[in-house]
Amino acid sequence: MMIACVFSVNELKSQTCDLCKISSFPSVTVYQAFQTGHGMGFGIEAGNWKKDAGRFSYFFGTSLVWANNNNANTKTNELVNQTMLSFYVKGQYKITNHLYVVAAPGIVNLTNMEFQAGLRYVIPVTHLIGIGVEPAYAFGQKQLVVNANVHFALR
């Protein structure tokens, strides 16, 4: 994995600057979500990634997080499968070259409003693919959320 990353970075450095001057591009992100208290899940988001045209980017997304929790009822002691389906709009503001602040208001299970805020760190693997990590805090659920992202540029 490390060897592939080193060759990818060297390939990016050797490219002409014409490839680096793209101001914005559409992108799709798939991610694995890990959430304290609920477990894990997956999600997808799409939007317009502004590279040089501005510091603000936006995305529309959805995620599904599930967990198996023991029911508090001692009579049945059954396993309850809890799922949370979220739809959100995410704004991202560029702080440095690879670090962004993100904020995502959304709706969970079509009943509860949610707001997540956090950081996103992205490392380009090629000029079309990037990987990243996104720790955030969900204020409505009062839980930490960590997303492992794979970003795809659609040019």
N, C-alpha and C. Protein backbone atom coordinates (compact mmCIF):
# COMPACT_ATOMS: atom_id res chain seq x y z
N MET A 1 0.83 -1.19 0.00
CA MET A 1 0.00 0.00 0.00
C MET A 1 0.87 1.26 0.00
N MET A 2 1.92 1.24 0.84
CA MET A 2 2.81 2.39 0.92
C MET A 2 3.54 2.60 -0.41
N ILE A 3 3.96 1.52 -1.06
CA ILE A 3 4.67 1.64 -2.34
C ILE A 3 3.75 2.24 -3.39
N ALA A 4 2.49 1.81 -3.41
CA ALA A 4 1.53 2.36 -4.37
C ALA A 4 1.31 3.85 -4.13
N CYS A 5 1.23 4.26 -2.86
CA CYS A 5 1.04 5.67 -2.53
C CYS A 5 2.24 6.50 -2.96
N VAL A 6 3.45 5.99 -2.75
CA VAL A 6 4.65 6.73 -3.13
C VAL A 6 4.70 6.91 -4.64
N PHE A 7 4.41 5.84 -5.42
CA PHE A 7 4.41 5.96 -6.87
C PHE A 7 3.31 6.90 -7.34
N SER A 8 2.16 6.89 -6.68
CA SER A 8 1.06 7.78 -7.06
C SER A 8 1.43 9.24 -6.83
N VAL A 9 2.07 9.53 -5.69
CA VAL A 9 2.47 10.90 -5.40
C VAL A 9 3.52 11.36 -6.39
N ASN A 10 4.47 10.50 -6.73
CA ASN A 10 5.49 10.86 -7.72
C ASN A 10 4.86 11.10 -9.09
N GLU A 11 3.84 10.33 -9.43
CA GLU A 11 3.15 10.52 -10.70
C GLU A 11 2.44 11.87 -10.72
N LEU A 12 1.80 12.25 -9.61
CA LEU A 12 1.13 13.54 -9.54
C LEU A 12 2.12 14.69 -9.65
N LYS A 13 3.28 14.56 -9.02
CA LYS A 13 4.28 15.62 -9.06
C LYS A 13 4.86 15.78 -10.46
N SER A 14 4.90 14.71 -11.24
CA SER A 14 5.50 14.77 -12.57
C SER A 14 4.53 15.25 -13.63
N GLN A 15 3.24 15.42 -13.30
CA GLN A 15 2.27 15.84 -14.29
C GLN A 15 2.42 17.33 -14.58
N THR A 16 1.93 17.74 -15.73
CA THR A 16 1.99 19.15 -16.08
C THR A 16 1.00 19.93 -15.24
N CYS A 17 1.23 21.21 -15.13
CA CYS A 17 0.38 22.05 -14.29
C CYS A 17 -1.01 22.24 -14.88
N ASP A 18 -1.20 21.93 -16.16
CA ASP A 18 -2.53 22.06 -16.76
C ASP A 18 -3.54 21.15 -16.06
N LEU A 19 -3.11 19.97 -15.60
CA LEU A 19 -4.01 19.08 -14.87
C LEU A 19 -4.30 19.59 -13.48
N CYS A 20 -3.40 20.40 -12.91
CA CYS A 20 -3.57 20.89 -11.55
C CYS A 20 -4.42 22.14 -11.49
N LYS A 21 -4.75 22.76 -12.63
CA LYS A 21 -5.44 24.04 -12.64
C LYS A 21 -6.95 23.92 -12.77
N ILE A 22 -7.51 22.74 -12.60
CA ILE A 22 -8.95 22.58 -12.67
C ILE A 22 -9.55 23.24 -11.44
N SER A 23 -10.44 24.20 -11.66
CA SER A 23 -10.94 25.00 -10.54
C SER A 23 -12.00 24.28 -9.72
N SER A 24 -12.89 23.54 -10.34
CA SER A 24 -13.89 22.77 -9.61
C SER A 24 -14.31 21.58 -10.46
N PHE A 25 -14.84 20.57 -9.79
CA PHE A 25 -15.25 19.36 -10.51
C PHE A 25 -16.31 18.64 -9.70
N PRO A 26 -17.20 17.91 -10.37
CA PRO A 26 -18.17 17.09 -9.64
C PRO A 26 -17.46 15.87 -9.06
N SER A 27 -17.96 15.41 -7.93
CA SER A 27 -17.34 14.25 -7.28
C SER A 27 -18.39 13.39 -6.61
N VAL A 28 -18.01 12.13 -6.40
CA VAL A 28 -18.82 11.17 -5.66
C VAL A 28 -17.94 10.60 -4.57
N THR A 29 -18.48 10.48 -3.37
CA THR A 29 -17.74 9.94 -2.24
C THR A 29 -18.53 8.77 -1.66
N VAL A 30 -17.86 7.66 -1.45
CA VAL A 30 -18.43 6.53 -0.73
C VAL A 30 -17.65 6.40 0.57
N TYR A 31 -18.33 6.02 1.63
CA TYR A 31 -17.65 5.95 2.92
C TYR A 31 -18.23 4.89 3.82
N GLN A 32 -17.37 4.45 4.74
CA GLN A 32 -17.74 3.54 5.83
C GLN A 32 -17.88 4.41 7.07
N ALA A 33 -19.00 4.33 7.74
CA ALA A 33 -19.26 5.16 8.92
C ALA A 33 -19.14 4.33 10.18
N PHE A 34 -18.47 4.88 11.17
CA PHE A 34 -18.36 4.28 12.50
C PHE A 34 -18.92 5.29 13.49
N GLN A 35 -19.88 4.86 14.31
CA GLN A 35 -20.56 5.78 15.22
C GLN A 35 -20.63 5.16 16.60
N THR A 36 -20.24 5.93 17.62
CA THR A 36 -20.32 5.44 18.98
C THR A 36 -21.77 5.26 19.36
N GLY A 37 -22.08 4.19 20.04
CA GLY A 37 -23.45 3.95 20.48
C GLY A 37 -24.34 3.27 19.47
N HIS A 38 -24.06 3.41 18.18
CA HIS A 38 -24.92 2.79 17.18
C HIS A 38 -24.21 1.73 16.36
N GLY A 39 -22.95 1.86 16.14
CA GLY A 39 -22.26 0.85 15.36
C GLY A 39 -21.65 1.39 14.11
N MET A 40 -21.92 0.72 13.00
CA MET A 40 -21.32 1.14 11.75
C MET A 40 -22.31 1.05 10.61
N GLY A 41 -21.90 1.62 9.49
CA GLY A 41 -22.76 1.63 8.32
C GLY A 41 -21.99 2.12 7.11
N PHE A 42 -22.71 2.66 6.15
CA PHE A 42 -22.09 3.14 4.93
C PHE A 42 -22.88 4.34 4.42
N GLY A 43 -22.28 5.05 3.49
CA GLY A 43 -22.95 6.21 2.93
C GLY A 43 -22.37 6.59 1.59
N ILE A 44 -23.08 7.49 0.93
CA ILE A 44 -22.63 8.02 -0.36
C ILE A 44 -23.05 9.48 -0.43
N GLU A 45 -22.19 10.29 -1.03
CA GLU A 45 -22.54 11.69 -1.24
C GLU A 45 -21.97 12.16 -2.57
N ALA A 46 -22.61 13.14 -3.15
CA ALA A 46 -22.19 13.70 -4.44
C ALA A 46 -22.32 15.20 -4.38
N GLY A 47 -21.47 15.88 -5.11
CA GLY A 47 -21.54 17.32 -5.12
C GLY A 47 -20.47 17.94 -5.98
N ASN A 48 -20.22 19.22 -5.75
CA ASN A 48 -19.26 19.99 -6.52
C ASN A 48 -18.09 20.36 -5.63
N TRP A 49 -16.92 19.82 -5.94
CA TRP A 49 -15.71 20.05 -5.16
C TRP A 49 -14.98 21.22 -5.77
N LYS A 50 -14.85 22.31 -5.02
CA LYS A 50 -14.14 23.49 -5.51
C LYS A 50 -12.69 23.40 -5.09
N LYS A 51 -11.83 23.26 -6.05
CA LYS A 51 -10.41 23.11 -5.76
C LYS A 51 -9.72 24.46 -5.66
N ASP A 52 -9.83 25.29 -6.69
CA ASP A 52 -9.17 26.59 -6.69
C ASP A 52 -10.15 27.75 -6.85
N ALA A 53 -11.35 27.47 -7.30
CA ALA A 53 -12.31 28.55 -7.57
C ALA A 53 -12.81 29.21 -6.30
N GLY A 54 -12.79 28.52 -5.21
CA GLY A 54 -13.24 29.06 -3.94
C GLY A 54 -12.97 28.06 -2.84
N ARG A 55 -13.19 28.48 -1.62
CA ARG A 55 -12.90 27.60 -0.48
C ARG A 55 -14.11 26.78 -0.05
N PHE A 56 -15.31 27.09 -0.56
CA PHE A 56 -16.53 26.42 -0.11
C PHE A 56 -17.00 25.42 -1.15
N SER A 57 -17.31 24.19 -0.72
CA SER A 57 -17.86 23.14 -1.57
C SER A 57 -19.14 22.62 -0.91
N TYR A 58 -19.99 21.99 -1.70
CA TYR A 58 -21.24 21.45 -1.15
C TYR A 58 -21.49 20.05 -1.69
N PHE A 59 -22.22 19.26 -0.90
CA PHE A 59 -22.50 17.87 -1.24
C PHE A 59 -23.89 17.50 -0.72
N PHE A 60 -24.55 16.57 -1.41
CA PHE A 60 -25.80 15.98 -0.97
C PHE A 60 -25.53 14.52 -0.72
N GLY A 61 -26.04 13.98 0.40
CA GLY A 61 -25.71 12.60 0.70
C GLY A 61 -26.75 11.87 1.52
N THR A 62 -26.50 10.58 1.66
CA THR A 62 -27.34 9.72 2.48
C THR A 62 -26.44 8.68 3.15
N SER A 63 -26.86 8.23 4.32
CA SER A 63 -26.11 7.20 5.02
C SER A 63 -27.07 6.27 5.75
N LEU A 64 -26.61 5.07 5.98
CA LEU A 64 -27.37 4.06 6.72
C LEU A 64 -26.43 3.48 7.77
N VAL A 65 -26.80 3.66 9.04
CA VAL A 65 -26.00 3.16 10.16
C VAL A 65 -26.89 2.21 10.95
N TRP A 66 -26.35 1.05 11.33
CA TRP A 66 -27.13 0.08 12.07
C TRP A 66 -26.32 -0.47 13.23
N ALA A 67 -27.06 -1.05 14.20
CA ALA A 67 -26.43 -1.70 15.36
C ALA A 67 -27.39 -2.71 15.93
N ASN A 68 -26.85 -3.70 16.59
CA ASN A 68 -27.65 -4.65 17.35
C ASN A 68 -27.50 -4.31 18.82
N ASN A 69 -28.58 -3.91 19.44
CA ASN A 69 -28.57 -3.54 20.85
C ASN A 69 -29.42 -4.52 21.63
N ASN A 70 -28.99 -4.84 22.85
CA ASN A 70 -29.83 -5.66 23.72
C ASN A 70 -30.98 -4.83 24.23
N ASN A 71 -32.16 -5.38 24.17
CA ASN A 71 -33.34 -4.69 24.64
C ASN A 71 -33.31 -4.60 26.16
N ALA A 72 -33.77 -3.49 26.70
CA ALA A 72 -33.75 -3.29 28.15
C ALA A 72 -34.80 -4.15 28.85
N ASN A 73 -35.74 -4.71 28.11
CA ASN A 73 -36.78 -5.53 28.69
C ASN A 73 -36.18 -6.88 29.13
N THR A 74 -36.23 -7.17 30.41
CA THR A 74 -35.62 -8.39 30.94
C THR A 74 -36.48 -9.62 30.69
N LYS A 75 -37.77 -9.47 30.39
CA LYS A 75 -38.64 -10.61 30.15
C LYS A 75 -38.26 -11.35 28.87
N THR A 76 -38.06 -10.60 27.78
CA THR A 76 -37.79 -11.23 26.49
C THR A 76 -36.30 -11.31 26.18
N ASN A 77 -35.54 -10.32 26.61
CA ASN A 77 -34.10 -10.23 26.39
C ASN A 77 -33.76 -10.50 24.91
N GLU A 78 -34.53 -9.87 24.01
CA GLU A 78 -34.32 -10.08 22.58
C GLU A 78 -33.35 -9.05 22.02
N LEU A 79 -32.79 -9.37 20.87
CA LEU A 79 -31.87 -8.51 20.18
C LEU A 79 -32.65 -7.58 19.27
N VAL A 80 -32.43 -6.27 19.36
CA VAL A 80 -33.14 -5.28 18.57
C VAL A 80 -32.19 -4.72 17.53
N ASN A 81 -32.60 -4.75 16.28
CA ASN A 81 -31.80 -4.19 15.20
C ASN A 81 -32.27 -2.76 14.98
N GLN A 82 -31.41 -1.80 15.26
CA GLN A 82 -31.75 -0.40 15.13
C GLN A 82 -31.03 0.17 13.91
N THR A 83 -31.77 0.76 12.98
CA THR A 83 -31.17 1.38 11.80
C THR A 83 -31.51 2.85 11.78
N MET A 84 -30.58 3.62 11.25
CA MET A 84 -30.78 5.06 11.11
C MET A 84 -30.45 5.45 9.67
N LEU A 85 -31.45 5.91 8.95
CA LEU A 85 -31.29 6.37 7.58
C LEU A 85 -31.25 7.89 7.60
N SER A 86 -30.19 8.48 7.06
CA SER A 86 -30.01 9.93 7.09
C SER A 86 -29.92 10.49 5.68
N PHE A 87 -30.49 11.67 5.50
CA PHE A 87 -30.34 12.47 4.29
C PHE A 87 -29.81 13.82 4.74
N TYR A 88 -28.80 14.33 4.05
CA TYR A 88 -28.17 15.57 4.51
C TYR A 88 -27.61 16.39 3.36
N VAL A 89 -27.32 17.65 3.68
CA VAL A 89 -26.59 18.57 2.82
C VAL A 89 -25.33 18.93 3.59
N LYS A 90 -24.17 18.76 2.94
CA LYS A 90 -22.91 19.01 3.63
C LYS A 90 -22.18 20.17 2.98
N GLY A 91 -21.74 21.10 3.81
CA GLY A 91 -20.89 22.19 3.35
C GLY A 91 -19.48 21.94 3.82
N GLN A 92 -18.51 22.30 2.99
CA GLN A 92 -17.11 22.06 3.32
C GLN A 92 -16.33 23.33 3.04
N TYR A 93 -15.49 23.75 3.99
CA TYR A 93 -14.69 24.95 3.83
C TYR A 93 -13.21 24.58 3.94
N LYS A 94 -12.43 24.97 2.96
CA LYS A 94 -11.00 24.62 2.90
C LYS A 94 -10.19 25.46 3.89
N ILE A 95 -9.46 24.76 4.78
CA ILE A 95 -8.57 25.44 5.73
C ILE A 95 -7.15 25.46 5.17
N THR A 96 -6.62 24.29 4.83
CA THR A 96 -5.30 24.16 4.22
C THR A 96 -5.44 23.28 2.98
N ASN A 97 -4.32 22.86 2.43
CA ASN A 97 -4.32 22.11 1.17
C ASN A 97 -5.14 20.82 1.25
N HIS A 98 -5.10 20.09 2.35
CA HIS A 98 -5.81 18.81 2.46
C HIS A 98 -6.82 18.78 3.61
N LEU A 99 -6.95 19.84 4.37
CA LEU A 99 -7.80 19.86 5.57
C LEU A 99 -8.99 20.79 5.37
N TYR A 100 -10.18 20.28 5.73
CA TYR A 100 -11.43 21.02 5.54
C TYR A 100 -12.27 20.97 6.81
N VAL A 101 -13.07 22.00 7.03
CA VAL A 101 -14.10 22.00 8.07
C VAL A 101 -15.40 21.64 7.38
N VAL A 102 -16.18 20.72 7.97
CA VAL A 102 -17.44 20.30 7.37
C VAL A 102 -18.59 20.53 8.36
N ALA A 103 -19.75 20.83 7.80
CA ALA A 103 -20.98 20.97 8.57
C ALA A 103 -22.11 20.37 7.74
N ALA A 104 -22.94 19.53 8.39
CA ALA A 104 -23.97 18.81 7.65
C ALA A 104 -25.28 18.78 8.42
N PRO A 105 -26.22 19.68 8.10
CA PRO A 105 -27.57 19.53 8.65
C PRO A 105 -28.32 18.47 7.84
N GLY A 106 -29.18 17.72 8.53
CA GLY A 106 -29.92 16.68 7.83
C GLY A 106 -31.09 16.17 8.63
N ILE A 107 -31.69 15.11 8.12
CA ILE A 107 -32.85 14.50 8.77
C ILE A 107 -32.58 13.01 8.91
N VAL A 108 -32.92 12.45 10.08
CA VAL A 108 -32.67 11.04 10.39
C VAL A 108 -34.02 10.32 10.49
N ASN A 109 -34.17 9.21 9.77
CA ASN A 109 -35.38 8.39 9.77
C ASN A 109 -36.64 9.20 9.47
N LEU A 110 -36.49 10.26 8.72
CA LEU A 110 -37.59 11.15 8.32
C LEU A 110 -38.37 11.71 9.50
N THR A 111 -37.77 11.71 10.70
CA THR A 111 -38.47 12.23 11.88
C THR A 111 -37.65 13.23 12.68
N ASN A 112 -36.34 13.04 12.77
CA ASN A 112 -35.50 13.88 13.64
C ASN A 112 -34.51 14.70 12.83
N MET A 113 -34.33 15.93 13.25
CA MET A 113 -33.31 16.78 12.64
C MET A 113 -31.96 16.48 13.29
N GLU A 114 -30.91 16.59 12.51
CA GLU A 114 -29.56 16.30 12.98
C GLU A 114 -28.60 17.34 12.43
N PHE A 115 -27.55 17.64 13.18
CA PHE A 115 -26.49 18.52 12.71
C PHE A 115 -25.15 17.91 13.09
N GLN A 116 -24.28 17.72 12.11
CA GLN A 116 -22.94 17.20 12.35
C GLN A 116 -21.92 18.24 11.95
N ALA A 117 -20.86 18.36 12.74
CA ALA A 117 -19.76 19.27 12.44
C ALA A 117 -18.46 18.55 12.72
N GLY A 118 -17.46 18.80 11.88
CA GLY A 118 -16.18 18.14 12.09
C GLY A 118 -15.13 18.58 11.10
N LEU A 119 -14.14 17.72 10.92
CA LEU A 119 -13.02 17.99 10.02
C LEU A 119 -12.94 16.88 8.98
N ARG A 120 -12.39 17.21 7.83
CA ARG A 120 -12.16 16.23 6.77
C ARG A 120 -10.72 16.40 6.29
N TYR A 121 -9.98 15.29 6.31
CA TYR A 121 -8.61 15.29 5.82
C TYR A 121 -8.54 14.35 4.62
N VAL A 122 -8.09 14.86 3.47
CA VAL A 122 -8.09 14.10 2.23
C VAL A 122 -6.67 14.04 1.66
N ILE A 123 -6.26 12.85 1.27
CA ILE A 123 -4.97 12.64 0.62
C ILE A 123 -5.24 12.18 -0.81
N PRO A 124 -4.74 12.89 -1.83
CA PRO A 124 -4.94 12.42 -3.20
C PRO A 124 -4.07 11.20 -3.48
N VAL A 125 -4.68 10.16 -4.02
CA VAL A 125 -3.96 8.95 -4.41
C VAL A 125 -3.57 9.06 -5.88
N THR A 126 -4.50 9.45 -6.72
CA THR A 126 -4.25 9.77 -8.12
C THR A 126 -4.93 11.10 -8.39
N HIS A 127 -4.93 11.56 -9.63
CA HIS A 127 -5.62 12.82 -9.92
C HIS A 127 -7.13 12.64 -9.99
N LEU A 128 -7.63 11.41 -9.90
CA LEU A 128 -9.08 11.16 -9.90
C LEU A 128 -9.60 10.55 -8.60
N ILE A 129 -8.72 10.02 -7.75
CA ILE A 129 -9.15 9.33 -6.53
C ILE A 129 -8.41 9.90 -5.33
N GLY A 130 -9.13 10.09 -4.24
CA GLY A 130 -8.54 10.50 -2.98
C GLY A 130 -9.12 9.68 -1.85
N ILE A 131 -8.35 9.53 -0.79
CA ILE A 131 -8.84 8.84 0.41
C ILE A 131 -8.77 9.81 1.56
N GLY A 132 -9.62 9.59 2.56
CA GLY A 132 -9.62 10.51 3.68
C GLY A 132 -10.33 9.96 4.89
N VAL A 133 -10.23 10.74 5.94
CA VAL A 133 -10.90 10.43 7.20
C VAL A 133 -11.66 11.68 7.63
N GLU A 134 -12.82 11.46 8.23
CA GLU A 134 -13.69 12.57 8.60
C GLU A 134 -14.27 12.36 10.00
N PRO A 135 -13.59 12.82 11.05
CA PRO A 135 -14.19 12.76 12.38
C PRO A 135 -15.17 13.93 12.56
N ALA A 136 -16.33 13.64 13.12
CA ALA A 136 -17.35 14.67 13.32
C ALA A 136 -18.13 14.35 14.59
N TYR A 137 -18.91 15.32 15.03
CA TYR A 137 -19.77 15.15 16.19
C TYR A 137 -21.21 15.38 15.78
N ALA A 138 -22.11 14.43 16.10
CA ALA A 138 -23.53 14.54 15.80
C ALA A 138 -24.21 15.15 17.03
N PHE A 139 -24.64 16.40 16.91
CA PHE A 139 -25.20 17.12 18.06
C PHE A 139 -26.56 16.59 18.49
N GLY A 140 -27.40 16.18 17.57
CA GLY A 140 -28.73 15.66 17.93
C GLY A 140 -28.65 14.34 18.68
N GLN A 141 -27.74 13.46 18.25
CA GLN A 141 -27.59 12.15 18.89
C GLN A 141 -26.54 12.17 19.99
N LYS A 142 -25.76 13.26 20.06
CA LYS A 142 -24.68 13.41 21.04
C LYS A 142 -23.69 12.25 20.94
N GLN A 143 -23.19 12.03 19.70
CA GLN A 143 -22.29 10.91 19.46
C GLN A 143 -21.19 11.32 18.49
N LEU A 144 -20.05 10.64 18.62
CA LEU A 144 -18.93 10.83 17.71
C LEU A 144 -19.12 9.95 16.49
N VAL A 145 -18.85 10.50 15.32
CA VAL A 145 -18.96 9.78 14.05
C VAL A 145 -17.61 9.90 13.33
N VAL A 146 -17.10 8.78 12.82
CA VAL A 146 -15.86 8.80 12.04
C VAL A 146 -16.15 8.10 10.71
N ASN A 147 -15.88 8.80 9.62
CA ASN A 147 -16.09 8.26 8.28
C ASN A 147 -14.75 8.01 7.61
N ALA A 148 -14.60 6.84 7.01
CA ALA A 148 -13.44 6.53 6.18
C ALA A 148 -13.89 6.70 4.73
N ASN A 149 -13.36 7.71 4.04
CA ASN A 149 -13.86 8.14 2.74
C ASN A 149 -12.98 7.68 1.58
N VAL A 150 -13.63 7.43 0.45
CA VAL A 150 -12.96 7.30 -0.85
C VAL A 150 -13.67 8.26 -1.79
N HIS A 151 -12.93 9.24 -2.31
CA HIS A 151 -13.48 10.28 -3.17
C HIS A 151 -13.12 9.99 -4.63
N PHE A 152 -14.10 10.17 -5.52
CA PHE A 152 -13.90 9.96 -6.95
C PHE A 152 -14.24 11.25 -7.68
N ALA A 153 -13.30 11.80 -8.44
CA ALA A 153 -13.55 12.99 -9.24
C ALA A 153 -14.21 12.55 -10.55
N LEU A 154 -15.25 13.25 -10.94
CA LEU A 154 -15.99 12.94 -12.17
C LEU A 154 -15.68 14.03 -13.20
N ARG A 155 -14.64 13.84 -13.97
CA ARG A 155 -14.26 14.85 -14.97
C ARG A 155 -14.50 14.33 -16.34
